[in-house]
Amino acid sequence: MSSSETGPGGQAHGSVKEYVTGLILSIVLTVIPFYLVMTGTGSDAFVVITIVVAAIAQIMVQMVFFLHMNGSSEQTWLTASAIYSVFIVLFVVVGSLWIFEHLNHNMLMGH
């Protein structure tokens, strides 16, 4: 039996080992930024970069271990829609941060 079985509709079903591995990785990728924020360890820039890297890694773990996305030709549309979704989310997040920074700068009125 392979680690990912294919069901009658072509969808993949993972093994318990895959789900446990994904769960452990997800917990680790959540605890690391949480620890940095709660303890105040490192500079603000380091913490923000760590949170962003952990978030991107968390998305990848979720897609691979729980959504069973891979590079197979059957998943072309799924992969394309996931990439589109990532770009939209990045656009919204970066745009929001940019707006917040400019609003903060403009509301200080010369300070």
C-alpha atoms as a PDB file:
ATOM      1  CA  MET A   1       0.000   0.000   0.000  1.00  0.00           C
ATOM      2  CA  SER A   2       1.441   3.402  -0.953  1.00  0.00           C
ATOM      3  CA  SER A   3       1.542   6.404   1.342  1.00  0.00           C
ATOM      4  CA  SER A   4      -1.167   8.140  -0.696  1.00  0.00           C
ATOM      5  CA  GLU A   5      -3.970   6.047  -2.051  1.00  0.00           C
ATOM      6  CA  THR A   6      -6.257   7.234  -4.801  1.00  0.00           C
ATOM      7  CA  GLY A   7      -9.976   6.992  -4.179  1.00  0.00           C
ATOM      8  CA  PRO A   8     -12.691   6.150  -6.708  1.00  0.00           C
ATOM      9  CA  GLY A   9     -13.058   9.802  -7.769  1.00  0.00           C
ATOM     10  CA  GLY A  10      -9.327  10.234  -8.308  1.00  0.00           C
ATOM     11  CA  GLN A  11      -8.804  12.138  -5.080  1.00  0.00           C
ATOM     12  CA  ALA A  12      -5.840  11.241  -2.903  1.00  0.00           C
ATOM     13  CA  HIS A  13      -6.195   9.935   0.630  1.00  0.00           C
ATOM     14  CA  GLY A  14      -3.158  10.099   2.865  1.00  0.00           C
ATOM     15  CA  SER A  15      -1.953   7.631   5.416  1.00  0.00           C
ATOM     16  CA  VAL A  16      -2.029   8.175   9.160  1.00  0.00           C
ATOM     17  CA  LYS A  17       1.747   8.729   9.056  1.00  0.00           C
ATOM     18  CA  GLU A  18       1.302  11.612   6.578  1.00  0.00           C
ATOM     19  CA  TYR A  19      -1.403  13.227   8.679  1.00  0.00           C
ATOM     20  CA  VAL A  20       0.632  12.923  11.889  1.00  0.00           C
ATOM     21  CA  THR A  21       3.725  14.336  10.151  1.00  0.00           C
ATOM     22  CA  GLY A  22       1.660  17.251   8.830  1.00  0.00           C
ATOM     23  CA  LEU A  23       0.166  17.847  12.267  1.00  0.00           C
ATOM     24  CA  ILE A  24       3.573  17.890  13.973  1.00  0.00           C
ATOM     25  CA  LEU A  25       5.027  20.242  11.358  1.00  0.00           C
ATOM     26  CA  SER A  26       1.989  22.527  11.669  1.00  0.00           C
ATOM     27  CA  ILE A  27       2.342  22.661  15.444  1.00  0.00           C
ATOM     28  CA  VAL A  28       6.080  23.430  15.223  1.00  0.00           C
ATOM     29  CA  LEU A  29       5.468  26.151  12.612  1.00  0.00           C
ATOM     30  CA  THR A  30       2.873  27.702  14.923  1.00  0.00           C
ATOM     31  CA  VAL A  31       4.858  27.458  18.161  1.00  0.00           C
ATOM     32  CA  ILE A  32       8.056  29.078  16.827  1.00  0.00           C
ATOM     33  CA  PRO A  33       6.507  32.480  15.915  1.00  0.00           C
ATOM     34  CA  PHE A  34       4.288  32.351  19.011  1.00  0.00           C
ATOM     35  CA  TYR A  35       7.337  31.847  21.216  1.00  0.00           C
ATOM     36  CA  LEU A  36       9.241  34.695  19.548  1.00  0.00           C
ATOM     37  CA  VAL A  37       6.331  37.103  19.991  1.00  0.00           C
ATOM     38  CA  MET A  38       5.502  36.138  23.567  1.00  0.00           C
ATOM     39  CA  THR A  39       9.100  36.239  24.836  1.00  0.00           C
ATOM     40  CA  GLY A  40      10.201  39.284  22.848  1.00  0.00           C
ATOM     41  CA  THR A  41      13.232  37.397  21.577  1.00  0.00           C
ATOM     42  CA  GLY A  42      15.023  39.064  18.677  1.00  0.00           C
ATOM     43  CA  SER A  43      14.457  42.341  16.909  1.00  0.00           C
ATOM     44  CA  ASP A  44      11.105  43.348  15.474  1.00  0.00           C
ATOM     45  CA  ALA A  45      12.321  42.816  11.908  1.00  0.00           C
ATOM     46  CA  PHE A  46      13.574  39.322  12.747  1.00  0.00           C
ATOM     47  CA  VAL A  47      10.254  38.395  14.358  1.00  0.00           C
ATOM     48  CA  VAL A  48       8.241  39.679  11.389  1.00  0.00           C
ATOM     49  CA  ILE A  49      10.449  37.828   8.897  1.00  0.00           C
ATOM     50  CA  THR A  50      10.186  34.659  10.987  1.00  0.00           C
ATOM     51  CA  ILE A  51       6.395  34.947  11.101  1.00  0.00           C
ATOM     52  CA  VAL A  52       6.181  35.414   7.326  1.00  0.00           C
ATOM     53  CA  VAL A  53       8.529  32.487   6.610  1.00  0.00           C
ATOM     54  CA  ALA A  54       6.647  30.258   9.068  1.00  0.00           C
ATOM     55  CA  ALA A  55       3.327  31.271   7.505  1.00  0.00           C
ATOM     56  CA  ILE A  56       4.535  30.400   4.004  1.00  0.00           C
ATOM     57  CA  ALA A  57       5.924  27.096   5.254  1.00  0.00           C
ATOM     58  CA  GLN A  58       2.629  26.438   7.056  1.00  0.00           C
ATOM     59  CA  ILE A  59       0.712  26.948   3.809  1.00  0.00           C
ATOM     60  CA  MET A  60       3.021  24.526   2.020  1.00  0.00           C
ATOM     61  CA  VAL A  61       2.642  21.913   4.777  1.00  0.00           C
ATOM     62  CA  GLN A  62      -1.142  22.256   4.653  1.00  0.00           C
ATOM     63  CA  MET A  63      -1.236  21.896   0.876  1.00  0.00           C
ATOM     64  CA  VAL A  64       1.097  18.890   0.743  1.00  0.00           C
ATOM     65  CA  PHE A  65       0.063  16.884   3.796  1.00  0.00           C
ATOM     66  CA  PHE A  66      -3.648  17.698   4.105  1.00  0.00           C
ATOM     67  CA  LEU A  67      -4.775  18.738   0.606  1.00  0.00           C
ATOM     68  CA  HIS A  68      -2.444  16.173  -1.040  1.00  0.00           C
ATOM     69  CA  MET A  69      -1.261  18.574  -3.703  1.00  0.00           C
ATOM     70  CA  ASN A  70       1.666  17.450  -5.808  1.00  0.00           C
ATOM     71  CA  GLY A  71       3.021  18.073  -9.285  1.00  0.00           C
ATOM     72  CA  SER A  72       0.971  15.429 -11.061  1.00  0.00           C
ATOM     73  CA  SER A  73      -0.750  16.302 -14.314  1.00  0.00           C
ATOM     74  CA  GLU A  74      -4.181  15.476 -12.850  1.00  0.00           C
ATOM     75  CA  GLN A  75      -3.842  18.407 -10.463  1.00  0.00           C
ATOM     76  CA  THR A  76      -2.972  21.122 -12.984  1.00  0.00           C
ATOM     77  CA  TRP A  77      -6.075  23.226 -12.313  1.00  0.00           C
ATOM     78  CA  LEU A  78      -5.816  22.714  -8.571  1.00  0.00           C
ATOM     79  CA  THR A  79      -2.206  23.841  -8.587  1.00  0.00           C
ATOM     80  CA  ALA A  80      -2.974  26.820 -10.831  1.00  0.00           C
ATOM     81  CA  SER A  81      -5.834  27.937  -8.577  1.00  0.00           C
ATOM     82  CA  ALA A  82      -3.620  27.541  -5.493  1.00  0.00           C
ATOM     83  CA  ILE A  83      -0.908  29.712  -7.050  1.00  0.00           C
ATOM     84  CA  TYR A  84      -3.528  32.311  -8.005  1.00  0.00           C
ATOM     85  CA  SER A  85      -4.873  32.263  -4.445  1.00  0.00           C
ATOM     86  CA  VAL A  86      -1.388  32.744  -2.999  1.00  0.00           C
ATOM     87  CA  PHE A  87      -0.811  35.783  -5.214  1.00  0.00           C
ATOM     88  CA  ILE A  88      -4.160  37.287  -4.259  1.00  0.00           C
ATOM     89  CA  VAL A  89      -3.482  36.771  -0.549  1.00  0.00           C
ATOM     90  CA  LEU A  90       0.014  38.267  -0.897  1.00  0.00           C
ATOM     91  CA  PHE A  91      -1.450  41.216  -2.811  1.00  0.00           C
ATOM     92  CA  VAL A  92      -4.026  41.866  -0.081  1.00  0.00           C
ATOM     93  CA  VAL A  93      -1.582  41.433   2.818  1.00  0.00           C
ATOM     94  CA  VAL A  94       1.244  43.506   1.307  1.00  0.00           C
ATOM     95  CA  GLY A  95      -1.221  46.145   0.137  1.00  0.00           C
ATOM     96  CA  SER A  96      -2.799  46.325   3.582  1.00  0.00           C
ATOM     97  CA  LEU A  97       0.585  46.668   5.279  1.00  0.00           C
ATOM     98  CA  TRP A  98       1.545  49.378   2.803  1.00  0.00           C
ATOM     99  CA  ILE A  99      -1.701  51.272   3.486  1.00  0.00           C
ATOM    100  CA  PHE A 100      -1.269  50.913   7.259  1.00  0.00           C
ATOM    101  CA  GLU A 101       2.279  52.247   7.099  1.00  0.00           C
ATOM    102  CA  HIS A 102       1.267  55.246   4.999  1.00  0.00           C
ATOM    103  CA  LEU A 103      -1.754  55.972   7.179  1.00  0.00           C
ATOM    104  CA  ASN A 104       0.457  55.826  10.267  1.00  0.00           C
ATOM    105  CA  HIS A 105       2.993  58.141   8.629  1.00  0.00           C
ATOM    106  CA  ASN A 106       0.378  60.617   7.413  1.00  0.00           C
ATOM    107  CA  MET A 107      -1.570  60.696  10.702  1.00  0.00           C
ATOM    108  CA  LEU A 108       1.488  61.766  12.702  1.00  0.00           C
ATOM    109  CA  MET A 109       1.506  65.186  10.950  1.00  0.00           C
ATOM    110  CA  GLY A 110       5.193  65.961  11.088  1.00  0.00           C
ATOM    111  CA  HIS A 111       6.240  64.001  14.174  1.00  0.00           C
END
